[in-house]
C-alpha cells in the first residue's frame, strides 16, 4: 500500500536486488518518478548496464522500461516533471522534452518495448501446470503505419522452468 507514511519500506525482493547488484557502476544510476493513470511509478536507469527498471506502487510489480525494440537497452528518460496534469520527460542530453503518453505505441517516436516479470511460483518443490493464463491490458491506439505484420505490436510470453534463470519457451502473439 502507498499509505505507509514516511517510513521506508522494502519494495524489492532478493531476485531484484541480485539483478541490480549484477549491473556495473550502480552508483551512476539515475531515477525519475511520475504518475500515470492512477499508477505512481519509480523508474531507475542504469546507464552502464544500459537497462531501466520501473516499479509500479499500485500493483507492487517491477517491469523493464526500454526505448526501441532492438536488443535490450534502457529507457531514454533521465528526468521528469508535471505540467497541467501531463508528465514530461527528457533524456541525458536534456535537449528535447517529450510528453509521456501511455496511450501511444511509441516512445520518443520509437516503437515501445515493455515487459513485466512475475515472481517465480513454487508449490513445495512439486511440479504443477497452468491450464489457463489471462492477460489483462489497458489498450491504447497503435499507429497505423506498420509496413507489414512483422512490424506490428506483439506480445511475447516467456516461460521459465528453473526459477526465472532462463526463459527457453517463447510464444509470439500479434497484438494491436
N, C-alpha and C. Protein backbone atom coordinates (compact mmCIF):
# COMPACT_ATOMS: atom_id res chain seq x y z
N UNK A 1 0.85 -1.18 0.00
CA UNK A 1 0.00 0.00 0.00
C UNK A 1 0.88 1.24 0.00
N UNK A 2 0.39 2.29 -0.63
CA UNK A 2 1.15 3.53 -0.67
C UNK A 2 1.16 4.22 0.68
N UNK A 3 0.13 4.07 1.45
CA UNK A 3 -0.02 4.82 2.69
C UNK A 3 0.80 4.19 3.81
N UNK A 4 2.12 4.29 3.70
CA UNK A 4 2.98 3.79 4.77
C UNK A 4 3.63 4.96 5.49
N UNK A 5 3.05 6.16 5.32
CA UNK A 5 3.61 7.32 5.97
C UNK A 5 4.98 7.64 5.40
N UNK A 6 5.86 8.10 6.27
CA UNK A 6 7.21 8.44 5.82
C UNK A 6 8.23 7.39 6.22
N UNK A 7 7.76 6.21 6.56
CA UNK A 7 8.64 5.12 6.94
C UNK A 7 9.14 4.41 5.69
N UNK A 8 10.45 4.21 5.58
CA UNK A 8 10.96 3.44 4.43
C UNK A 8 10.43 2.02 4.47
N UNK A 9 10.20 1.46 3.30
CA UNK A 9 9.77 0.07 3.22
C UNK A 9 10.44 -0.57 2.02
N UNK A 10 10.65 -1.85 2.13
CA UNK A 10 11.30 -2.61 1.07
C UNK A 10 10.30 -2.87 -0.04
N UNK A 11 10.66 -2.53 -1.28
CA UNK A 11 9.78 -2.80 -2.42
C UNK A 11 10.34 -3.89 -3.31
N UNK A 12 11.60 -4.25 -3.10
CA UNK A 12 12.22 -5.28 -3.93
C UNK A 12 12.28 -6.60 -3.17
N UNK A 13 12.69 -7.63 -3.89
CA UNK A 13 12.96 -8.91 -3.25
C UNK A 13 14.38 -9.31 -3.64
N UNK A 14 14.83 -10.45 -3.19
CA UNK A 14 16.22 -10.83 -3.43
C UNK A 14 16.53 -10.97 -4.92
N UNK A 15 15.56 -11.38 -5.74
CA UNK A 15 15.85 -11.53 -7.17
C UNK A 15 16.10 -10.17 -7.82
N UNK A 16 15.33 -9.15 -7.46
CA UNK A 16 15.55 -7.80 -8.00
C UNK A 16 16.87 -7.25 -7.48
N UNK A 17 17.16 -7.45 -6.20
CA UNK A 17 18.40 -6.96 -5.62
C UNK A 17 19.62 -7.63 -6.24
N UNK A 18 19.54 -8.94 -6.50
CA UNK A 18 20.65 -9.64 -7.17
C UNK A 18 20.85 -9.11 -8.58
N UNK A 19 19.75 -8.84 -9.28
CA UNK A 19 19.83 -8.29 -10.63
C UNK A 19 20.53 -6.94 -10.61
N UNK A 20 20.08 -6.05 -9.73
CA UNK A 20 20.69 -4.71 -9.64
C UNK A 20 22.16 -4.81 -9.27
N UNK A 21 22.48 -5.68 -8.33
CA UNK A 21 23.88 -5.83 -7.91
C UNK A 21 24.76 -6.42 -9.00
N UNK A 22 24.16 -7.05 -10.03
CA UNK A 22 24.95 -7.59 -11.14
C UNK A 22 25.31 -6.51 -12.16
N UNK A 23 24.69 -5.33 -12.07
CA UNK A 23 24.96 -4.25 -13.02
C UNK A 23 26.28 -3.56 -12.66
N UNK A 24 27.04 -3.14 -13.68
CA UNK A 24 28.26 -2.37 -13.40
C UNK A 24 27.91 -0.93 -12.99
N UNK A 25 28.73 -0.35 -12.15
CA UNK A 25 28.64 1.06 -11.77
C UNK A 25 27.23 1.50 -11.36
N UNK A 26 26.66 0.82 -10.39
CA UNK A 26 25.31 1.13 -9.91
C UNK A 26 25.25 2.55 -9.35
N UNK A 27 26.37 3.06 -8.87
CA UNK A 27 26.40 4.41 -8.29
C UNK A 27 26.06 5.49 -9.31
N UNK A 28 26.15 5.19 -10.60
CA UNK A 28 25.85 6.17 -11.65
C UNK A 28 24.37 6.14 -12.05
N UNK A 29 23.55 5.36 -11.35
CA UNK A 29 22.13 5.24 -11.70
C UNK A 29 21.41 6.58 -11.52
N UNK A 30 20.41 6.80 -12.37
CA UNK A 30 19.53 7.96 -12.23
C UNK A 30 18.12 7.44 -12.02
N UNK A 31 17.25 8.28 -11.49
CA UNK A 31 15.87 7.84 -11.24
C UNK A 31 14.89 8.96 -11.54
N UNK A 32 13.70 8.57 -11.94
CA UNK A 32 12.60 9.51 -12.12
C UNK A 32 11.36 8.93 -11.45
N UNK A 33 10.46 9.79 -11.09
CA UNK A 33 9.17 9.37 -10.56
C UNK A 33 8.08 10.10 -11.33
N UNK A 34 6.96 9.44 -11.49
CA UNK A 34 5.82 10.05 -12.16
C UNK A 34 4.58 9.22 -11.87
N UNK A 35 3.43 9.77 -12.15
CA UNK A 35 2.16 9.05 -12.02
C UNK A 35 1.45 9.10 -13.35
N UNK A 36 0.91 7.97 -13.77
CA UNK A 36 0.11 7.89 -14.99
C UNK A 36 -1.08 7.00 -14.73
N UNK A 37 -2.25 7.48 -15.10
CA UNK A 37 -3.48 6.70 -14.99
C UNK A 37 -3.67 6.12 -13.59
N UNK A 38 -3.34 6.90 -12.56
CA UNK A 38 -3.53 6.46 -11.18
C UNK A 38 -2.43 5.55 -10.65
N UNK A 39 -1.38 5.31 -11.44
CA UNK A 39 -0.28 4.45 -11.02
C UNK A 39 0.95 5.30 -10.72
N UNK A 40 1.40 5.37 -9.47
CA UNK A 40 2.66 6.05 -9.17
C UNK A 40 3.84 5.13 -9.54
N UNK A 41 4.79 5.65 -10.30
CA UNK A 41 5.93 4.87 -10.77
C UNK A 41 7.24 5.44 -10.24
N UNK A 42 8.19 4.54 -10.03
CA UNK A 42 9.57 4.90 -9.73
C UNK A 42 10.40 4.15 -10.76
N UNK A 43 11.14 4.89 -11.58
CA UNK A 43 11.98 4.27 -12.61
C UNK A 43 13.43 4.57 -12.30
N UNK A 44 14.25 3.54 -12.32
CA UNK A 44 15.67 3.71 -12.08
C UNK A 44 16.43 3.23 -13.32
N UNK A 45 17.31 4.10 -13.81
CA UNK A 45 18.08 3.84 -15.02
C UNK A 45 19.52 3.52 -14.65
N UNK A 46 20.06 2.49 -15.27
CA UNK A 46 21.44 2.07 -15.04
C UNK A 46 22.22 2.27 -16.33
N UNK A 47 22.82 3.45 -16.53
CA UNK A 47 23.50 3.75 -17.80
C UNK A 47 24.59 2.74 -18.16
N UNK A 48 25.40 2.32 -17.20
CA UNK A 48 26.50 1.40 -17.51
C UNK A 48 25.99 0.03 -17.94
N UNK A 49 24.82 -0.37 -17.46
CA UNK A 49 24.22 -1.65 -17.85
C UNK A 49 23.27 -1.49 -19.03
N UNK A 50 22.95 -0.23 -19.37
CA UNK A 50 22.01 0.08 -20.45
C UNK A 50 20.65 -0.56 -20.20
N UNK A 51 20.16 -0.47 -18.97
CA UNK A 51 18.86 -1.05 -18.59
C UNK A 51 18.09 -0.08 -17.71
N UNK A 52 16.76 -0.19 -17.70
CA UNK A 52 15.89 0.60 -16.84
C UNK A 52 14.84 -0.30 -16.21
N UNK A 53 14.69 -0.18 -14.91
CA UNK A 53 13.65 -0.90 -14.17
C UNK A 53 12.61 0.11 -13.70
N UNK A 54 11.35 -0.28 -13.77
CA UNK A 54 10.26 0.60 -13.35
C UNK A 54 9.41 -0.14 -12.32
N UNK A 55 9.14 0.52 -11.19
CA UNK A 55 8.30 -0.06 -10.14
C UNK A 55 6.97 0.65 -10.12
N UNK A 56 5.89 -0.13 -10.14
CA UNK A 56 4.52 0.38 -10.07
C UNK A 56 4.05 0.21 -8.62
N UNK A 57 3.89 1.32 -7.91
CA UNK A 57 3.50 1.24 -6.50
C UNK A 57 2.07 0.73 -6.32
N UNK A 58 1.22 0.90 -7.33
CA UNK A 58 -0.17 0.43 -7.21
C UNK A 58 -0.25 -1.09 -7.29
N UNK A 59 0.48 -1.69 -8.22
CA UNK A 59 0.43 -3.14 -8.38
C UNK A 59 1.54 -3.85 -7.61
N UNK A 60 2.57 -3.10 -7.19
CA UNK A 60 3.69 -3.71 -6.47
C UNK A 60 4.59 -4.56 -7.34
N UNK A 61 4.66 -4.24 -8.65
CA UNK A 61 5.45 -5.04 -9.57
C UNK A 61 6.55 -4.21 -10.24
N UNK A 62 7.65 -4.88 -10.57
CA UNK A 62 8.72 -4.29 -11.36
C UNK A 62 8.53 -4.69 -12.82
N UNK A 63 8.96 -3.83 -13.72
CA UNK A 63 8.97 -4.16 -15.14
C UNK A 63 10.16 -3.48 -15.78
N UNK A 64 10.54 -3.97 -16.96
CA UNK A 64 11.60 -3.32 -17.72
C UNK A 64 10.99 -2.15 -18.48
N UNK A 65 11.74 -1.08 -18.63
CA UNK A 65 11.34 0.04 -19.48
C UNK A 65 12.45 0.23 -20.50
N UNK A 66 12.07 0.41 -21.74
CA UNK A 66 13.06 0.48 -22.81
C UNK A 66 12.55 1.37 -23.91
N UNK A 67 13.43 2.12 -24.53
CA UNK A 67 13.11 2.87 -25.74
C UNK A 67 13.61 2.05 -26.91
N UNK A 68 12.75 1.81 -27.88
CA UNK A 68 13.10 0.99 -29.04
C UNK A 68 12.83 -0.48 -28.77
N UNK A 69 12.91 -1.28 -29.82
CA UNK A 69 12.60 -2.71 -29.71
C UNK A 69 13.76 -3.61 -30.07
N UNK A 70 14.92 -3.04 -30.41
CA UNK A 70 16.05 -3.85 -30.84
C UNK A 70 16.94 -4.15 -29.63
N UNK A 71 17.20 -5.43 -29.42
CA UNK A 71 18.07 -5.82 -28.31
C UNK A 71 17.50 -5.43 -26.97
N UNK A 72 18.38 -5.25 -26.01
CA UNK A 72 17.98 -4.80 -24.69
C UNK A 72 18.69 -3.49 -24.41
N UNK A 73 17.94 -2.48 -24.05
CA UNK A 73 18.53 -1.18 -23.76
C UNK A 73 17.70 -0.49 -22.69
N UNK A 74 18.08 0.68 -22.32
CA UNK A 74 17.39 1.42 -21.27
C UNK A 74 16.36 2.37 -21.86
N UNK A 75 15.52 2.89 -21.02
CA UNK A 75 14.58 3.93 -21.39
C UNK A 75 15.35 5.25 -21.43
N UNK A 76 15.04 6.11 -22.38
CA UNK A 76 15.83 7.32 -22.58
C UNK A 76 15.63 8.37 -21.49
N UNK A 77 14.54 8.32 -20.73
CA UNK A 77 14.21 9.41 -19.80
C UNK A 77 15.13 9.44 -18.58
N UNK A 78 15.73 10.62 -18.34
CA UNK A 78 16.57 10.83 -17.17
C UNK A 78 15.94 11.78 -16.17
N UNK A 79 14.90 12.47 -16.58
CA UNK A 79 14.23 13.41 -15.68
C UNK A 79 12.78 13.56 -16.06
N UNK A 80 11.98 14.05 -15.14
CA UNK A 80 10.55 14.23 -15.42
C UNK A 80 9.99 15.40 -14.62
N UNK A 81 8.89 15.94 -15.13
CA UNK A 81 8.14 16.96 -14.40
C UNK A 81 6.69 16.89 -14.85
N UNK A 82 5.80 17.49 -14.07
CA UNK A 82 4.37 17.51 -14.38
C UNK A 82 3.95 18.95 -14.66
N UNK A 83 3.20 19.13 -15.73
CA UNK A 83 2.67 20.44 -16.09
C UNK A 83 1.26 20.22 -16.62
N UNK A 84 0.28 20.89 -16.03
CA UNK A 84 -1.13 20.75 -16.44
C UNK A 84 -1.56 19.29 -16.46
N UNK A 85 -1.22 18.54 -15.44
CA UNK A 85 -1.58 17.13 -15.30
C UNK A 85 -1.00 16.23 -16.38
N UNK A 86 0.01 16.67 -17.08
CA UNK A 86 0.71 15.86 -18.08
C UNK A 86 2.13 15.63 -17.59
N UNK A 87 2.65 14.42 -17.82
CA UNK A 87 4.02 14.10 -17.43
C UNK A 87 4.93 14.34 -18.63
N UNK A 88 6.02 15.07 -18.40
CA UNK A 88 7.01 15.33 -19.43
C UNK A 88 8.34 14.73 -18.98
N UNK A 89 9.10 14.21 -19.93
CA UNK A 89 10.40 13.60 -19.63
C UNK A 89 11.45 14.14 -20.58
N UNK A 90 12.72 14.04 -20.17
CA UNK A 90 13.82 14.40 -21.04
C UNK A 90 14.93 13.38 -20.89
N UNK A 91 15.79 13.32 -21.90
CA UNK A 91 16.88 12.36 -21.92
C UNK A 91 18.16 12.93 -21.35
N UNK A 92 19.23 12.17 -21.50
CA UNK A 92 20.52 12.54 -20.91
C UNK A 92 21.04 13.87 -21.44
N UNK A 93 20.77 14.18 -22.69
CA UNK A 93 21.28 15.44 -23.24
C UNK A 93 20.45 16.64 -22.79
N UNK A 94 19.19 16.40 -22.42
CA UNK A 94 18.33 17.50 -21.98
C UNK A 94 17.90 18.41 -23.11
N UNK A 95 18.26 18.06 -24.35
CA UNK A 95 17.96 18.94 -25.49
C UNK A 95 16.49 18.91 -25.88
N UNK A 96 15.83 17.78 -25.68
CA UNK A 96 14.43 17.64 -26.08
C UNK A 96 13.59 17.19 -24.89
N UNK A 97 12.35 17.67 -24.86
CA UNK A 97 11.39 17.29 -23.82
C UNK A 97 10.21 16.65 -24.52
N UNK A 98 9.72 15.52 -23.97
CA UNK A 98 8.63 14.77 -24.58
C UNK A 98 7.52 14.56 -23.57
N UNK A 99 6.27 14.56 -24.08
CA UNK A 99 5.13 14.22 -23.25
C UNK A 99 5.07 12.71 -23.14
N UNK A 100 5.03 12.20 -21.91
CA UNK A 100 4.94 10.76 -21.69
C UNK A 100 3.49 10.35 -21.91
N UNK A 101 3.23 9.59 -22.95
CA UNK A 101 1.86 9.23 -23.32
C UNK A 101 1.75 7.71 -23.38
N UNK A 102 1.09 7.12 -22.39
CA UNK A 102 0.94 5.67 -22.35
C UNK A 102 -0.14 5.18 -23.30
N UNK A 103 -0.87 6.08 -23.94
CA UNK A 103 -1.90 5.67 -24.89
C UNK A 103 -1.34 5.43 -26.29
N UNK A 104 -0.10 5.82 -26.54
CA UNK A 104 0.51 5.61 -27.85
C UNK A 104 1.45 4.42 -27.79
N UNK A 105 1.67 3.81 -28.93
CA UNK A 105 2.57 2.67 -29.02
C UNK A 105 3.98 3.11 -29.41
N UNK A 106 4.30 4.38 -29.15
CA UNK A 106 5.64 4.88 -29.44
C UNK A 106 6.18 5.62 -28.22
N UNK A 107 7.48 5.76 -28.18
CA UNK A 107 8.16 6.45 -27.09
C UNK A 107 9.28 7.24 -27.74
N UNK A 108 9.16 8.57 -27.72
CA UNK A 108 10.15 9.40 -28.39
C UNK A 108 10.21 9.03 -29.88
N UNK A 109 9.04 8.76 -30.47
CA UNK A 109 8.87 8.38 -31.87
C UNK A 109 9.47 7.02 -32.23
N UNK A 110 9.80 6.21 -31.24
CA UNK A 110 10.27 4.85 -31.48
C UNK A 110 9.26 3.87 -30.90
N UNK A 111 9.13 2.70 -31.53
CA UNK A 111 8.24 1.67 -31.01
C UNK A 111 8.65 1.30 -29.59
N UNK A 112 7.69 1.02 -28.73
CA UNK A 112 7.97 0.71 -27.33
C UNK A 112 8.13 -0.79 -27.12
N UNK A 113 8.98 -1.13 -26.18
CA UNK A 113 9.09 -2.49 -25.70
C UNK A 113 8.93 -2.42 -24.19
N UNK A 114 7.93 -3.08 -23.66
CA UNK A 114 7.70 -3.12 -22.22
C UNK A 114 7.55 -4.57 -21.81
N UNK A 115 8.03 -4.93 -20.64
CA UNK A 115 7.85 -6.29 -20.16
C UNK A 115 7.69 -6.28 -18.66
N UNK A 116 7.00 -7.28 -18.18
CA UNK A 116 6.82 -7.48 -16.75
C UNK A 116 7.14 -8.92 -16.44
N UNK A 117 7.89 -9.13 -15.38
CA UNK A 117 8.23 -10.48 -14.95
C UNK A 117 7.65 -10.68 -13.56
N UNK A 118 6.87 -11.73 -13.39
CA UNK A 118 6.30 -12.01 -12.08
C UNK A 118 7.29 -12.82 -11.26
N UNK A 119 7.05 -12.88 -9.99
CA UNK A 119 7.89 -13.70 -9.13
C UNK A 119 7.69 -15.17 -9.49
N UNK A 120 8.74 -15.96 -9.25
CA UNK A 120 8.64 -17.40 -9.51
C UNK A 120 7.61 -18.01 -8.55
N UNK A 121 6.84 -18.94 -9.07
CA UNK A 121 5.82 -19.62 -8.26
C UNK A 121 6.35 -21.00 -7.90
N UNK A 122 6.36 -21.28 -6.62
CA UNK A 122 6.78 -22.60 -6.15
C UNK A 122 5.68 -23.18 -5.28
N UNK A 123 5.45 -24.46 -5.46
CA UNK A 123 4.46 -25.17 -4.63
C UNK A 123 5.19 -26.33 -3.97
N UNK A 124 5.97 -26.01 -2.94
CA UNK A 124 6.68 -27.03 -2.19
C UNK A 124 7.59 -27.90 -3.03
N UNK A 125 8.13 -27.39 -4.12
CA UNK A 125 9.02 -28.17 -4.97
C UNK A 125 8.28 -29.10 -5.92
N UNK A 126 6.95 -29.15 -5.83
CA UNK A 126 6.17 -30.03 -6.70
C UNK A 126 5.97 -29.37 -8.06
N UNK A 127 5.88 -30.18 -9.09
CA UNK A 127 5.57 -29.69 -10.43
C UNK A 127 4.09 -29.35 -10.49
N UNK A 128 3.77 -28.37 -11.29
CA UNK A 128 2.37 -28.01 -11.49
C UNK A 128 2.22 -27.47 -12.90
N UNK A 129 0.98 -27.37 -13.34
CA UNK A 129 0.73 -26.84 -14.67
C UNK A 129 -0.27 -25.69 -14.57
N UNK A 130 -0.23 -24.85 -15.57
CA UNK A 130 -1.16 -23.74 -15.67
C UNK A 130 -2.08 -24.05 -16.85
N UNK A 131 -3.35 -24.28 -16.55
CA UNK A 131 -4.31 -24.63 -17.60
C UNK A 131 -4.79 -23.41 -18.38
N UNK A 132 -4.87 -22.27 -17.70
CA UNK A 132 -5.30 -21.04 -18.36
C UNK A 132 -4.46 -19.89 -17.84
N UNK A 133 -4.18 -18.94 -18.72
CA UNK A 133 -3.45 -17.75 -18.35
C UNK A 133 -4.19 -16.57 -18.94
N UNK A 134 -4.59 -15.65 -18.09
CA UNK A 134 -5.30 -14.46 -18.53
C UNK A 134 -4.37 -13.27 -18.45
N UNK A 135 -4.28 -12.51 -19.52
CA UNK A 135 -3.50 -11.29 -19.55
C UNK A 135 -4.48 -10.13 -19.71
N UNK A 136 -4.37 -9.15 -18.84
CA UNK A 136 -5.26 -8.00 -18.88
C UNK A 136 -4.46 -6.78 -19.27
N UNK A 137 -4.85 -6.11 -20.34
CA UNK A 137 -4.11 -4.95 -20.84
C UNK A 137 -5.01 -3.73 -20.86
N UNK A 138 -4.40 -2.59 -20.62
CA UNK A 138 -5.05 -1.32 -20.91
C UNK A 138 -4.62 -0.97 -22.32
N UNK A 139 -5.56 -0.95 -23.22
CA UNK A 139 -5.23 -0.82 -24.63
C UNK A 139 -5.33 0.63 -25.08
N UNK A 140 -4.30 1.09 -25.76
CA UNK A 140 -4.31 2.40 -26.39
C UNK A 140 -4.44 2.21 -27.89
N UNK A 141 -4.00 3.16 -28.65
CA UNK A 141 -4.08 3.05 -30.10
C UNK A 141 -2.68 2.84 -30.66
N UNK A 142 -2.54 1.83 -31.49
CA UNK A 142 -1.28 1.58 -32.18
C UNK A 142 -1.25 2.42 -33.44
N UNK A 143 -0.11 2.99 -33.78
CA UNK A 143 -0.03 3.75 -35.03
C UNK A 143 -0.38 2.88 -36.23
N UNK A 144 -0.92 3.49 -37.25
CA UNK A 144 -1.37 2.76 -38.43
C UNK A 144 -0.30 2.65 -39.50
N UNK A 145 0.96 2.92 -39.17
CA UNK A 145 2.00 2.96 -40.20
C UNK A 145 2.86 1.71 -40.26
N UNK A 146 2.40 0.58 -39.76
CA UNK A 146 3.20 -0.63 -39.80
C UNK A 146 3.23 -1.18 -41.21
N UNK A 147 4.42 -1.30 -41.82
CA UNK A 147 4.51 -1.72 -43.22
C UNK A 147 4.15 -3.18 -43.45
N UNK A 148 4.32 -4.02 -42.45
CA UNK A 148 3.96 -5.42 -42.60
C UNK A 148 3.65 -5.98 -41.22
N UNK A 149 3.16 -7.21 -41.19
CA UNK A 149 2.77 -7.82 -39.92
C UNK A 149 3.94 -8.01 -38.97
N UNK A 150 5.17 -8.14 -39.50
CA UNK A 150 6.34 -8.32 -38.63
C UNK A 150 6.62 -7.08 -37.79
N UNK A 151 6.18 -5.90 -38.25
CA UNK A 151 6.43 -4.66 -37.52
C UNK A 151 5.29 -4.31 -36.57
N UNK A 152 4.16 -5.02 -36.67
CA UNK A 152 3.00 -4.72 -35.82
C UNK A 152 3.31 -5.09 -34.36
N UNK A 153 2.62 -4.45 -33.42
CA UNK A 153 2.85 -4.77 -32.00
C UNK A 153 2.65 -6.25 -31.72
N UNK A 154 3.47 -6.80 -30.84
CA UNK A 154 3.37 -8.20 -30.46
C UNK A 154 3.45 -8.36 -28.96
N UNK A 155 2.85 -9.42 -28.48
CA UNK A 155 3.00 -9.84 -27.10
C UNK A 155 3.91 -11.06 -27.13
N UNK A 156 4.91 -11.07 -26.29
CA UNK A 156 5.81 -12.22 -26.20
C UNK A 156 5.65 -12.80 -24.80
N UNK A 157 5.23 -14.05 -24.74
CA UNK A 157 5.08 -14.73 -23.46
C UNK A 157 6.25 -15.69 -23.33
N UNK A 158 7.02 -15.55 -22.23
CA UNK A 158 8.16 -16.41 -21.99
C UNK A 158 7.93 -17.20 -20.70
N UNK A 159 8.33 -18.45 -20.71
CA UNK A 159 8.15 -19.33 -19.57
C UNK A 159 9.51 -19.84 -19.10
N UNK A 160 9.72 -19.80 -17.79
CA UNK A 160 10.93 -20.33 -17.20
C UNK A 160 10.57 -21.53 -16.34
N UNK A 161 11.36 -22.57 -16.44
CA UNK A 161 11.13 -23.76 -15.61
C UNK A 161 12.25 -23.96 -14.61
N UNK A 162 13.09 -22.92 -14.43
CA UNK A 162 14.18 -23.05 -13.46
C UNK A 162 14.24 -21.84 -12.52
N UNK A 163 13.07 -21.38 -12.09
CA UNK A 163 13.02 -20.28 -11.12
C UNK A 163 13.36 -18.92 -11.69
N UNK A 164 13.23 -18.74 -12.98
CA UNK A 164 13.49 -17.45 -13.60
C UNK A 164 14.92 -17.23 -14.03
N UNK A 165 15.74 -18.28 -14.06
CA UNK A 165 17.13 -18.13 -14.51
C UNK A 165 17.23 -18.09 -16.02
N UNK A 166 16.45 -18.92 -16.71
CA UNK A 166 16.41 -18.91 -18.17
C UNK A 166 14.95 -18.96 -18.61
N UNK A 167 14.70 -18.48 -19.83
CA UNK A 167 13.35 -18.46 -20.40
C UNK A 167 13.39 -19.06 -21.80
N UNK A 168 13.53 -20.39 -21.89
CA UNK A 168 13.70 -21.02 -23.21
C UNK A 168 12.42 -21.11 -24.02
N UNK A 169 11.26 -21.01 -23.40
CA UNK A 169 9.99 -21.17 -24.11
C UNK A 169 9.40 -19.80 -24.39
N UNK A 170 9.23 -19.46 -25.69
CA UNK A 170 8.67 -18.17 -26.08
C UNK A 170 7.50 -18.38 -27.02
N UNK A 171 6.50 -17.54 -26.87
CA UNK A 171 5.38 -17.54 -27.80
C UNK A 171 5.10 -16.10 -28.22
N UNK A 172 5.06 -15.86 -29.54
CA UNK A 172 4.81 -14.53 -30.08
C UNK A 172 3.36 -14.46 -30.56
N UNK A 173 2.65 -13.42 -30.13
CA UNK A 173 1.24 -13.28 -30.50
C UNK A 173 1.04 -11.84 -31.02
N UNK A 174 0.48 -11.68 -32.24
CA UNK A 174 0.23 -10.31 -32.75
C UNK A 174 -0.76 -9.59 -31.83
N UNK A 175 -0.56 -8.29 -31.70
CA UNK A 175 -1.41 -7.50 -30.81
C UNK A 175 -1.54 -6.11 -31.41
N UNK A 176 -2.74 -5.60 -31.44
CA UNK A 176 -2.91 -4.24 -31.92
C UNK A 176 -4.07 -4.12 -32.86
